[in-house]
PDB file of N, CA and C in Angstrom:
ATOM      1  N   MET A   1    -174.793  12.246 -70.217  1.00  0.00           N
ATOM      2  CA  MET A   1    -174.826  12.640 -71.353  1.00  0.00           C
ATOM      3  C   MET A   1    -174.368  12.244 -72.939  1.00  0.00           C
ATOM      4  N   THR A   2    -174.948  13.095 -73.858  1.00  0.00           N
ATOM      5  CA  THR A   2    -174.739  12.649 -75.421  1.00  0.00           C
ATOM      6  C   THR A   2    -173.357  13.609 -75.993  1.00  0.00           C
ATOM      7  N   THR A   3    -172.413  13.007 -76.355  1.00  0.00           N
ATOM      8  CA  THR A   3    -171.333  13.782 -76.940  1.00  0.00           C
ATOM      9  C   THR A   3    -171.866  13.936 -78.478  1.00  0.00           C
ATOM     10  N   PHE A   4    -171.685  15.234 -78.678  1.00  0.00           N
ATOM     11  CA  PHE A   4    -172.020  15.241 -80.316  1.00  0.00           C
ATOM     12  C   PHE A   4    -170.939  15.205 -81.173  1.00  0.00           C
ATOM     13  N   LYS A   5    -170.836  14.311 -82.329  1.00  0.00           N
ATOM     14  CA  LYS A   5    -169.591  14.380 -82.851  1.00  0.00           C
ATOM     15  C   LYS A   5    -169.799  15.000 -84.379  1.00  0.00           C
ATOM     16  N   SER A   6    -170.771  15.539 -84.678  1.00  0.00           N
ATOM     17  CA  SER A   6    -170.876  16.268 -85.643  1.00  0.00           C
ATOM     18  C   SER A   6    -170.143  17.702 -86.153  1.00  0.00           C
ATOM     19  N   ALA A   7    -169.523  18.024 -87.060  1.00  0.00           N
ATOM     20  CA  ALA A   7    -168.526  19.112 -86.996  1.00  0.00           C
ATOM     21  C   ALA A   7    -168.963  20.399 -86.599  1.00  0.00           C
ATOM     22  N   ALA A   8    -170.296  20.725 -86.999  1.00  0.00           N
ATOM     23  CA  ALA A   8    -170.821  22.078 -86.646  1.00  0.00           C
ATOM     24  C   ALA A   8    -171.927  22.389 -86.812  1.00  0.00           C
ATOM     25  N   LEU A   9    -172.690  22.867 -86.023  1.00  0.00           N
ATOM     26  CA  LEU A   9    -174.072  23.525 -86.181  1.00  0.00           C
ATOM     27  C   LEU A   9    -174.142  24.870 -86.732  1.00  0.00           C
ATOM     28  N   ALA A  10    -174.852  25.117 -87.605  1.00  0.00           N
ATOM     29  CA  ALA A  10    -175.054  26.628 -87.957  1.00  0.00           C
ATOM     30  C   ALA A  10    -176.489  27.207 -87.150  1.00  0.00           C
ATOM     31  N   VAL A  11    -176.361  28.294 -86.300  1.00  0.00           N
ATOM     32  CA  VAL A  11    -177.350  28.898 -85.668  1.00  0.00           C
ATOM     33  C   VAL A  11    -177.726  30.100 -86.759  1.00  0.00           C
ATOM     34  N   LEU A  12    -179.086  30.042 -87.235  1.00  0.00           N
ATOM     35  CA  LEU A  12    -179.371  30.953 -88.134  1.00  0.00           C
ATOM     36  C   LEU A  12    -180.344  31.721 -87.440  1.00  0.00           C
ATOM     37  N   VAL A  13    -180.607  32.849 -87.592  1.00  0.00           N
ATOM     38  CA  VAL A  13    -181.403  33.635 -86.713  1.00  0.00           C
ATOM     39  C   VAL A  13    -181.683  34.791 -87.288  1.00  0.00           C
ATOM     40  N   THR A  14    -183.118  34.757 -87.295  1.00  0.00           N
ATOM     41  CA  THR A  14    -183.775  35.924 -87.936  1.00  0.00           C
ATOM     42  C   THR A  14    -184.470  36.754 -86.718  1.00  0.00           C
ATOM     43  N   THR A  15    -185.027  37.864 -87.392  1.00  0.00           N
ATOM     44  CA  THR A  15    -185.469  38.752 -86.156  1.00  0.00           C
ATOM     45  C   THR A  15    -186.915  39.359 -86.597  1.00  0.00           C
ATOM     46  N   LEU A  16    -187.647  39.771 -85.445  1.00  0.00           N
ATOM     47  CA  LEU A  16    -189.200  40.292 -85.926  1.00  0.00           C
ATOM     48  C   LEU A  16    -188.947  41.770 -86.189  1.00  0.00           C
ATOM     49  N   VAL A  17    -187.764  42.254 -86.481  1.00  0.00           N
ATOM     50  CA  VAL A  17    -187.820  43.546 -86.677  1.00  0.00           C
ATOM     51  C   VAL A  17    -188.524  43.980 -88.011  1.00  0.00           C
ATOM     52  N   ALA A  18    -188.559  45.650 -88.573  1.00  0.00           N
ATOM     53  CA  ALA A  18    -189.221  45.704 -89.474  1.00  0.00           C
ATOM     54  C   ALA A  18    -188.572  45.451 -90.784  1.00  0.00           C
ATOM     55  N   ALA A  19    -187.336  45.299 -90.898  1.00  0.00           N
ATOM     56  CA  ALA A  19    -186.772  44.556 -91.820  1.00  0.00           C
ATOM     57  C   ALA A  19    -186.265  43.199 -91.988  1.00  0.00           C
ATOM     58  N   PRO A  20    -187.199  42.658 -92.942  1.00  0.00           N
ATOM     59  CA  PRO A  20    -186.949  40.924 -92.792  1.00  0.00           C
ATOM     60  C   PRO A  20    -185.788  40.429 -93.402  1.00  0.00           C
ATOM     61  N   ALA A  21    -184.943  41.235 -93.881  1.00  0.00           N
ATOM     62  CA  ALA A  21    -183.545  40.596 -94.531  1.00  0.00           C
ATOM     63  C   ALA A  21    -182.381  40.515 -93.575  1.00  0.00           C
ATOM     64  N   LEU A  22    -182.850  41.018 -92.402  1.00  0.00           N
ATOM     65  CA  LEU A  22    -181.855  41.127 -91.441  1.00  0.00           C
ATOM     66  C   LEU A  22    -181.754  39.400 -90.837  1.00  0.00           C
ATOM     67  N   ALA A  23    -180.787  39.046 -90.842  1.00  0.00           N
ATOM     68  CA  ALA A  23    -180.364  37.907 -90.573  1.00  0.00           C
ATOM     69  C   ALA A  23    -178.982  37.550 -90.035  1.00  0.00           C
ATOM     70  N   GLY A  24    -178.448  36.653 -89.400  1.00  0.00           N
ATOM     71  CA  GLY A  24    -177.197  36.152 -88.960  1.00  0.00           C
ATOM     72  C   GLY A  24    -176.907  34.956 -88.794  1.00  0.00           C
ATOM     73  N   GLU A  25    -175.686  34.451 -88.873  1.00  0.00           N
ATOM     74  CA  GLU A  25    -175.327  33.249 -88.668  1.00  0.00           C
ATOM     75  C   GLU A  25    -173.992  33.008 -87.818  1.00  0.00           C
ATOM     76  N   ILE A  26    -174.084  31.983 -87.016  1.00  0.00           N
ATOM     77  CA  ILE A  26    -172.755  31.827 -86.049  1.00  0.00           C
ATOM     78  C   ILE A  26    -172.765  30.464 -86.257  1.00  0.00           C
ATOM     79  N   ARG A  27    -171.478  29.689 -86.293  1.00  0.00           N
ATOM     80  CA  ARG A  27    -171.357  28.273 -86.378  1.00  0.00           C
ATOM     81  C   ARG A  27    -170.952  27.952 -85.126  1.00  0.00           C
ATOM     82  N   VAL A  28    -171.657  26.578 -84.690  1.00  0.00           N
ATOM     83  CA  VAL A  28    -171.136  26.729 -83.268  1.00  0.00           C
ATOM     84  C   VAL A  28    -170.498  24.974 -83.480  1.00  0.00           C
ATOM     85  N   THR A  29    -169.703  24.714 -83.025  1.00  0.00           N
ATOM     86  CA  THR A  29    -168.897  23.228 -82.932  1.00  0.00           C
ATOM     87  C   THR A  29    -169.668  22.918 -82.019  1.00  0.00           C
ATOM     88  N   THR A  30    -169.668  21.031 -82.671  1.00  0.00           N
ATOM     89  CA  THR A  30    -170.335  20.167 -81.667  1.00  0.00           C
ATOM     90  C   THR A  30    -169.491  19.255 -80.999  1.00  0.00           C
ATOM     91  N   ALA A  31    -168.431  19.152 -81.560  1.00  0.00           N
ATOM     92  CA  ALA A  31    -167.742  18.178 -81.295  1.00  0.00           C
ATOM     93  C   ALA A  31    -167.063  18.006 -79.756  1.00  0.00           C
ATOM     94  N   GLY A  32    -167.400  16.783 -79.302  1.00  0.00           N
ATOM     95  CA  GLY A  32    -167.073  16.795 -78.051  1.00  0.00           C
ATOM     96  C   GLY A  32    -167.834  17.344 -76.854  1.00  0.00           C
ATOM     97  N   LYS A  33    -168.860  17.968 -77.275  1.00  0.00           N
ATOM     98  CA  LYS A  33    -169.819  18.542 -76.196  1.00  0.00           C
ATOM     99  C   LYS A  33    -170.642  17.723 -75.952  1.00  0.00           C
ATOM    100  N   THR A  34    -171.151  17.772 -74.596  1.00  0.00           N
ATOM    101  CA  THR A  34    -172.113  17.197 -73.683  1.00  0.00           C
ATOM    102  C   THR A  34    -173.652  17.958 -74.652  1.00  0.00           C
ATOM    103  N   THR A  35    -174.711  17.624 -73.966  1.00  0.00           N
ATOM    104  CA  THR A  35    -176.145  18.013 -74.391  1.00  0.00           C
ATOM    105  C   THR A  35    -176.085  19.388 -73.824  1.00  0.00           C
ATOM    106  N   GLU A  36    -175.692  19.682 -72.400  1.00  0.00           N
ATOM    107  CA  GLU A  36    -175.756  21.010 -71.601  1.00  0.00           C
ATOM    108  C   GLU A  36    -174.719  21.980 -72.217  1.00  0.00           C
ATOM    109  N   GLN A  37    -173.350  21.451 -72.656  1.00  0.00           N
ATOM    110  CA  GLN A  37    -172.803  22.421 -73.231  1.00  0.00           C
ATOM    111  C   GLN A  37    -172.918  22.793 -74.592  1.00  0.00           C
ATOM    112  N   LEU A  38    -173.415  22.235 -75.168  1.00  0.00           N
ATOM    113  CA  LEU A  38    -174.050  22.206 -76.854  1.00  0.00           C
ATOM    114  C   LEU A  38    -175.049  23.165 -76.599  1.00  0.00           C
ATOM    115  N   HIS A  39    -175.960  23.051 -75.846  1.00  0.00           N
ATOM    116  CA  HIS A  39    -177.281  23.995 -75.573  1.00  0.00           C
ATOM    117  C   HIS A  39    -176.760  25.390 -75.193  1.00  0.00           C
ATOM    118  N   THR A  40    -175.980  25.399 -74.006  1.00  0.00           N
ATOM    119  CA  THR A  40    -175.543  26.682 -73.470  1.00  0.00           C
ATOM    120  C   THR A  40    -174.681  27.343 -74.993  1.00  0.00           C
ATOM    121  N   GLU A  41    -173.938  26.652 -75.811  1.00  0.00           N
ATOM    122  CA  GLU A  41    -173.215  27.277 -76.868  1.00  0.00           C
ATOM    123  C   GLU A  41    -174.510  28.032 -77.916  1.00  0.00           C
ATOM    124  N   ILE A  42    -175.340  27.044 -78.251  1.00  0.00           N
ATOM    125  CA  ILE A  42    -176.501  27.644 -78.955  1.00  0.00           C
ATOM    126  C   ILE A  42    -177.271  29.070 -78.561  1.00  0.00           C
ATOM    127  N   VAL A  43    -177.225  28.727 -77.168  1.00  0.00           N
ATOM    128  CA  VAL A  43    -177.915  30.041 -76.781  1.00  0.00           C
ATOM    129  C   VAL A  43    -177.158  31.495 -76.617  1.00  0.00           C
ATOM    130  N   LYS A  44    -175.691  31.142 -76.356  1.00  0.00           N
ATOM    131  CA  LYS A  44    -174.867  32.267 -76.377  1.00  0.00           C
ATOM    132  C   LYS A  44    -174.984  32.878 -78.049  1.00  0.00           C
ATOM    133  N   ALA A  45    -174.916  31.836 -79.092  1.00  0.00           N
ATOM    134  CA  ALA A  45    -174.775  32.491 -80.548  1.00  0.00           C
ATOM    135  C   ALA A  45    -176.190  32.957 -80.851  1.00  0.00           C
ATOM    136  N   ALA A  46    -177.010  32.404 -80.574  1.00  0.00           N
ATOM    137  CA  ALA A  46    -178.407  33.097 -80.596  1.00  0.00           C
ATOM    138  C   ALA A  46    -178.566  34.624 -80.041  1.00  0.00           C
ATOM    139  N   SER A  47    -178.179  34.677 -78.844  1.00  0.00           N
ATOM    140  CA  SER A  47    -177.906  35.692 -78.025  1.00  0.00           C
ATOM    141  C   SER A  47    -177.215  36.795 -78.395  1.00  0.00           C
ATOM    142  N   LYS A  48    -176.171  36.472 -79.219  1.00  0.00           N
ATOM    143  CA  LYS A  48    -175.284  37.414 -79.660  1.00  0.00           C
ATOM    144  C   LYS A  48    -175.979  37.857 -80.914  1.00  0.00           C
ATOM    145  N   VAL A  49    -176.257  37.043 -81.956  1.00  0.00           N
ATOM    146  CA  VAL A  49    -177.012  37.496 -83.114  1.00  0.00           C
ATOM    147  C   VAL A  49    -178.106  38.505 -82.797  1.00  0.00           C
ATOM    148  N   CYS A  50    -178.929  37.768 -81.981  1.00  0.00           N
ATOM    149  CA  CYS A  50    -180.109  38.719 -81.933  1.00  0.00           C
ATOM    150  C   CYS A  50    -179.934  40.023 -81.561  1.00  0.00           C
ATOM    151  N   TRP A  51    -179.071  40.138 -80.298  1.00  0.00           N
ATOM    152  CA  TRP A  51    -178.719  41.321 -79.994  1.00  0.00           C
ATOM    153  C   TRP A  51    -178.105  42.352 -80.791  1.00  0.00           C
ATOM    154  N   GLU A  52    -177.625  41.749 -81.916  1.00  0.00           N
ATOM    155  CA  GLU A  52    -176.826  42.705 -82.922  1.00  0.00           C
ATOM    156  C   GLU A  52    -177.939  43.182 -83.722  1.00  0.00           C
ATOM    157  N   ASP A  53    -178.768  42.515 -84.279  1.00  0.00           N
ATOM    158  CA  ASP A  53    -179.996  42.622 -84.900  1.00  0.00           C
ATOM    159  C   ASP A  53    -180.998  43.543 -84.379  1.00  0.00           C
ATOM    160  N   ALA A  54    -181.462  43.444 -82.729  1.00  0.00           N
ATOM    161  CA  ALA A  54    -182.222  44.306 -82.253  1.00  0.00           C
ATOM    162  C   ALA A  54    -182.128  45.506 -81.670  1.00  0.00           C
ATOM    163  N   ARG A  55    -180.752  45.489 -81.055  1.00  0.00           N
ATOM    164  CA  ARG A  55    -180.355  46.650 -80.594  1.00  0.00           C
ATOM    165  C   ARG A  55    -180.601  47.985 -81.222  1.00  0.00           C
ATOM    166  N   GLY A  56    -180.875  49.053 -80.791  1.00  0.00           N
ATOM    167  CA  GLY A  56    -181.301  50.397 -81.461  1.00  0.00           C
ATOM    168  C   GLY A  56    -182.515  50.546 -82.132  1.00  0.00           C
ATOM    169  N   GLN A  57    -183.137  49.296 -81.820  1.00  0.00           N
ATOM    170  CA  GLN A  57    -184.806  48.901 -82.266  1.00  0.00           C
ATOM    171  C   GLN A  57    -185.687  49.647 -81.050  1.00  0.00           C
ATOM    172  N   SER A  58    -186.380  50.309 -81.390  1.00  0.00           N
ATOM    173  CA  SER A  58    -187.348  50.847 -80.333  1.00  0.00           C
ATOM    174  C   SER A  58    -188.085  49.708 -79.477  1.00  0.00           C
ATOM    175  N   LEU A  59    -188.297  48.625 -79.839  1.00  0.00           N
ATOM    176  CA  LEU A  59    -188.718  47.591 -79.563  1.00  0.00           C
ATOM    177  C   LEU A  59    -187.788  46.407 -79.144  1.00  0.00           C
ATOM    178  N   ALA A  60    -186.896  46.666 -78.758  1.00  0.00           N
ATOM    179  CA  ALA A  60    -185.612  45.916 -78.624  1.00  0.00           C
ATOM    180  C   ALA A  60    -185.951  44.983 -77.562  1.00  0.00           C
ATOM    181  N   VAL A  61    -186.727  45.556 -76.676  1.00  0.00           N
ATOM    182  CA  VAL A  61    -186.740  44.525 -75.366  1.00  0.00           C
ATOM    183  C   VAL A  61    -187.824  43.805 -75.145  1.00  0.00           C
ATOM    184  N   TYR A  62    -188.576  43.905 -76.150  1.00  0.00           N
ATOM    185  CA  TYR A  62    -189.399  42.649 -76.583  1.00  0.00           C
ATOM    186  C   TYR A  62    -189.170  41.848 -77.967  1.00  0.00           C
ATOM    187  N   ILE A  63    -188.235  42.356 -78.938  1.00  0.00           N
ATOM    188  CA  ILE A  63    -187.852  41.701 -79.880  1.00  0.00           C
ATOM    189  C   ILE A  63    -186.811  40.521 -79.406  1.00  0.00           C
ATOM    190  N   TYR A  64    -185.883  41.268 -78.828  1.00  0.00           N
ATOM    191  CA  TYR A  64    -184.759  40.262 -78.405  1.00  0.00           C
ATOM    192  C   TYR A  64    -185.072  38.738 -77.685  1.00  0.00           C
ATOM    193  N   PRO A  65    -185.791  39.109 -76.740  1.00  0.00           N
ATOM    194  CA  PRO A  65    -186.014  37.940 -75.944  1.00  0.00           C
ATOM    195  C   PRO A  65    -186.647  36.748 -76.689  1.00  0.00           C
ATOM    196  N   GLU A  66    -187.583  37.094 -77.757  1.00  0.00           N
ATOM    197  CA  GLU A  66    -188.557  36.248 -78.627  1.00  0.00           C
ATOM    198  C   GLU A  66    -187.631  35.959 -79.765  1.00  0.00           C
ATOM    199  N   CYS A  67    -186.632  36.561 -80.418  1.00  0.00           N
ATOM    200  CA  CYS A  67    -185.606  36.177 -81.317  1.00  0.00           C
ATOM    201  C   CYS A  67    -184.750  34.959 -80.417  1.00  0.00           C
ATOM    202  N   VAL A  68    -184.091  35.170 -79.697  1.00  0.00           N
ATOM    203  CA  VAL A  68    -183.349  34.137 -78.846  1.00  0.00           C
ATOM    204  C   VAL A  68    -184.259  32.752 -78.802  1.00  0.00           C
ATOM    205  N   ARG A  69    -185.284  32.857 -78.163  1.00  0.00           N
ATOM    206  CA  ARG A  69    -186.146  31.600 -77.684  1.00  0.00           C
ATOM    207  C   ARG A  69    -186.377  30.937 -79.187  1.00  0.00           C
ATOM    208  N   ARG A  70    -187.023  31.756 -80.237  1.00  0.00           N
ATOM    209  CA  ARG A  70    -187.128  31.130 -81.748  1.00  0.00           C
ATOM    210  C   ARG A  70    -185.944  30.441 -82.297  1.00  0.00           C
ATOM    211  N   SER A  71    -184.958  31.237 -82.183  1.00  0.00           N
ATOM    212  CA  SER A  71    -183.791  30.721 -82.921  1.00  0.00           C
ATOM    213  C   SER A  71    -182.909  29.648 -82.179  1.00  0.00           C
ATOM    214  N   VAL A  72    -183.052  29.495 -80.845  1.00  0.00           N
ATOM    215  CA  VAL A  72    -182.798  28.161 -80.059  1.00  0.00           C
ATOM    216  C   VAL A  72    -183.467  27.123 -80.269  1.00  0.00           C
ATOM    217  N   ASN A  73    -184.637  27.614 -80.241  1.00  0.00           N
ATOM    218  CA  ASN A  73    -185.696  26.315 -80.722  1.00  0.00           C
ATOM    219  C   ASN A  73    -185.487  25.749 -82.076  1.00  0.00           C
ATOM    220  N   THR A  74    -185.404  26.633 -82.927  1.00  0.00           N
ATOM    221  CA  THR A  74    -184.991  26.156 -84.422  1.00  0.00           C
ATOM    222  C   THR A  74    -183.597  25.398 -84.544  1.00  0.00           C
ATOM    223  N   ALA A  75    -182.823  25.923 -83.775  1.00  0.00           N
ATOM    224  CA  ALA A  75    -181.412  25.117 -83.883  1.00  0.00           C
ATOM    225  C   ALA A  75    -181.631  23.935 -83.314  1.00  0.00           C
ATOM    226  N   VAL A  76    -182.313  23.698 -82.023  1.00  0.00           N
ATOM    227  CA  VAL A  76    -182.207  22.591 -81.465  1.00  0.00           C
ATOM    228  C   VAL A  76    -183.090  21.450 -82.528  1.00  0.00           C
ATOM    229  N   ALA A  77    -184.357  22.142 -82.855  1.00  0.00           N
ATOM    230  CA  ALA A  77    -185.103  21.157 -83.905  1.00  0.00           C
ATOM    231  C   ALA A  77    -184.113  20.642 -84.843  1.00  0.00           C
ATOM    232  N   GLN A  78    -183.379  21.610 -85.696  1.00  0.00           N
ATOM    233  CA  GLN A  78    -182.645  21.103 -86.697  1.00  0.00           C
ATOM    234  C   GLN A  78    -181.519  19.930 -86.382  1.00  0.00           C
ATOM    235  N   MET A  79    -181.068  19.861 -85.505  1.00  0.00           N
ATOM    236  CA  MET A  79    -180.083  19.067 -84.580  1.00  0.00           C
ATOM    237  C   MET A  79    -180.802  17.631 -84.865  1.00  0.00           C
ATOM    238  N   GLY A  80    -181.828  17.362 -84.438  1.00  0.00           N
ATOM    239  CA  GLY A  80    -182.606  16.427 -84.401  1.00  0.00           C
ATOM    240  C   GLY A  80    -182.411  15.406 -83.552  1.00  0.00           C
ATOM    241  N   ASP A  81    -181.601  15.614 -82.217  1.00  0.00           N
ATOM    242  CA  ASP A  81    -180.997  14.914 -81.172  1.00  0.00           C
ATOM    243  C   ASP A  81    -182.249  14.913 -80.192  1.00  0.00           C
ATOM    244  N   ASP A  82    -182.895  14.080 -79.765  1.00  0.00           N
ATOM    245  CA  ASP A  82    -183.807  13.644 -78.537  1.00  0.00           C
ATOM    246  C   ASP A  82    -183.417  14.125 -77.408  1.00  0.00           C
ATOM    247  N   GLN A  83    -182.223  14.096 -77.023  1.00  0.00           N
ATOM    248  CA  GLN A  83    -181.705  14.280 -75.840  1.00  0.00           C
ATOM    249  C   GLN A  83    -181.768  16.113 -75.678  1.00  0.00           C
ATOM    250  N   LEU A  84    -181.221  16.466 -76.823  1.00  0.00           N
ATOM    251  CA  LEU A  84    -181.014  18.029 -76.959  1.00  0.00           C
ATOM    252  C   LEU A  84    -182.348  18.603 -76.765  1.00  0.00           C
ATOM    253  N   VAL A  85    -183.453  17.861 -77.598  1.00  0.00           N
ATOM    254  CA  VAL A  85    -184.738  18.522 -77.823  1.00  0.00           C
ATOM    255  C   VAL A  85    -185.003  18.465 -76.036  1.00  0.00           C
ATOM    256  N   ALA A  86    -184.997  17.224 -75.539  1.00  0.00           N
ATOM    257  CA  ALA A  86    -185.464  17.323 -73.889  1.00  0.00           C
ATOM    258  C   ALA A  86    -184.905  18.132 -73.212  1.00  0.00           C
ATOM    259  N   TYR A  87    -183.511  18.445 -73.234  1.00  0.00           N
ATOM    260  CA  TYR A  87    -182.806  19.156 -72.357  1.00  0.00           C
ATOM    261  C   TYR A  87    -183.281  20.843 -72.755  1.00  0.00           C
ATOM    262  N   ASN A  88    -183.576  21.107 -74.155  1.00  0.00           N
ATOM    263  CA  ASN A  88    -184.257  22.354 -74.429  1.00  0.00           C
ATOM    264  C   ASN A  88    -185.365  22.551 -73.837  1.00  0.00           C
ATOM    265  N   ALA A  89    -186.426  21.612 -73.871  1.00  0.00           N
ATOM    266  CA  ALA A  89    -187.565  21.658 -73.134  1.00  0.00           C
ATOM    267  C   ALA A  89    -187.510  21.661 -71.884  1.00  0.00           C
ATOM    268  N   ALA A  90    -186.647  21.030 -71.067  1.00  0.00           N
ATOM    269  CA  ALA A  90    -186.474  21.451 -69.641  1.00  0.00           C
ATOM    270  C   ALA A  90    -185.842  22.663 -68.961  1.00  0.00           C
ATOM    271  N   HIS A  91    -184.847  23.133 -69.993  1.00  0.00           N
ATOM    272  CA  HIS A  91    -184.021  24.397 -69.524  1.00  0.00           C
ATOM    273  C   HIS A  91    -184.310  25.471 -70.854  1.00  0.00           C
ATOM    274  N   PRO A  92    -185.247  26.274 -70.579  1.00  0.00           N
ATOM    275  CA  PRO A  92    -185.630  27.078 -71.554  1.00  0.00           C
ATOM    276  C   PRO A  92    -184.546  27.985 -71.787  1.00  0.00           C
ATOM    277  N   ALA A  93    -184.432  28.801 -72.981  1.00  0.00           N
ATOM    278  CA  ALA A  93    -183.268  29.847 -72.981  1.00  0.00           C
ATOM    279  C   ALA A  93    -183.159  30.843 -71.908  1.00  0.00           C
ATOM    280  N   LYS A  94    -182.464  31.136 -71.430  1.00  0.00           N
ATOM    281  CA  LYS A  94    -182.215  31.883 -70.542  1.00  0.00           C
ATOM    282  C   LYS A  94    -181.135  33.236 -71.135  1.00  0.00           C
ATOM    283  N   PHE A  95    -181.445  34.448 -70.814  1.00  0.00           N
ATOM    284  CA  PHE A  95    -180.622  35.429 -71.887  1.00  0.00           C
ATOM    285  C   PHE A  95    -180.419  36.623 -70.950  1.00  0.00           C
ATOM    286  N   ALA A  96    -179.318  37.198 -71.382  1.00  0.00           N
ATOM    287  CA  ALA A  96    -179.192  38.633 -70.899  1.00  0.00           C
ATOM    288  C   ALA A  96    -178.584  39.165 -72.050  1.00  0.00           C
ATOM    289  N   LEU A  97    -179.335  40.487 -71.972  1.00  0.00           N
ATOM    290  CA  LEU A  97    -178.683  41.635 -72.925  1.00  0.00           C
ATOM    291  C   LEU A  97    -177.133  41.423 -73.410  1.00  0.00           C
ATOM    292  N   ALA A  98    -176.814  41.091 -74.500  1.00  0.00           N
ATOM    293  CA  ALA A  98    -175.322  40.491 -74.596  1.00  0.00           C
ATOM    294  C   ALA A  98    -174.424  42.054 -74.426  1.00  0.00           C
ATOM    295  N   SER A  99    -173.298  42.116 -74.377  1.00  0.00           N
ATOM    296  CA  SER A  99    -172.431  43.394 -73.901  1.00  0.00           C
ATOM    297  C   SER A  99    -171.895  43.739 -75.470  1.00  0.00           C
ATOM    298  N   ARG A 100    -171.789  44.733 -75.343  1.00  0.00           N
ATOM    299  CA  ARG A 100    -171.538  45.657 -76.615  1.00  0.00           C
ATOM    300  C   ARG A 100    -169.791  45.574 -76.983  1.00  0.00           C
TER     301      ARG A 100
END
């Protein structure tokens, strides 16, 4: 698998909640990571930020998974790496509610 050499990837997450100004960002270091490791880190970052934004919302159970999927897909597309895009297509984001 490819080892990513760029310094960091910002995972910007926006949610589908009523307040459109809600957004978070976590920087994911990409140096020395395989495609699988990088994908896992992107999913973790998206999960964390999405849960912080969705928890407490009456529709969190619907908002959270869609937020994670969209955020991961956006971050992967921004990387512009064909292997990461293919890996993401073959291994869609799996998530569990983040711990408090």
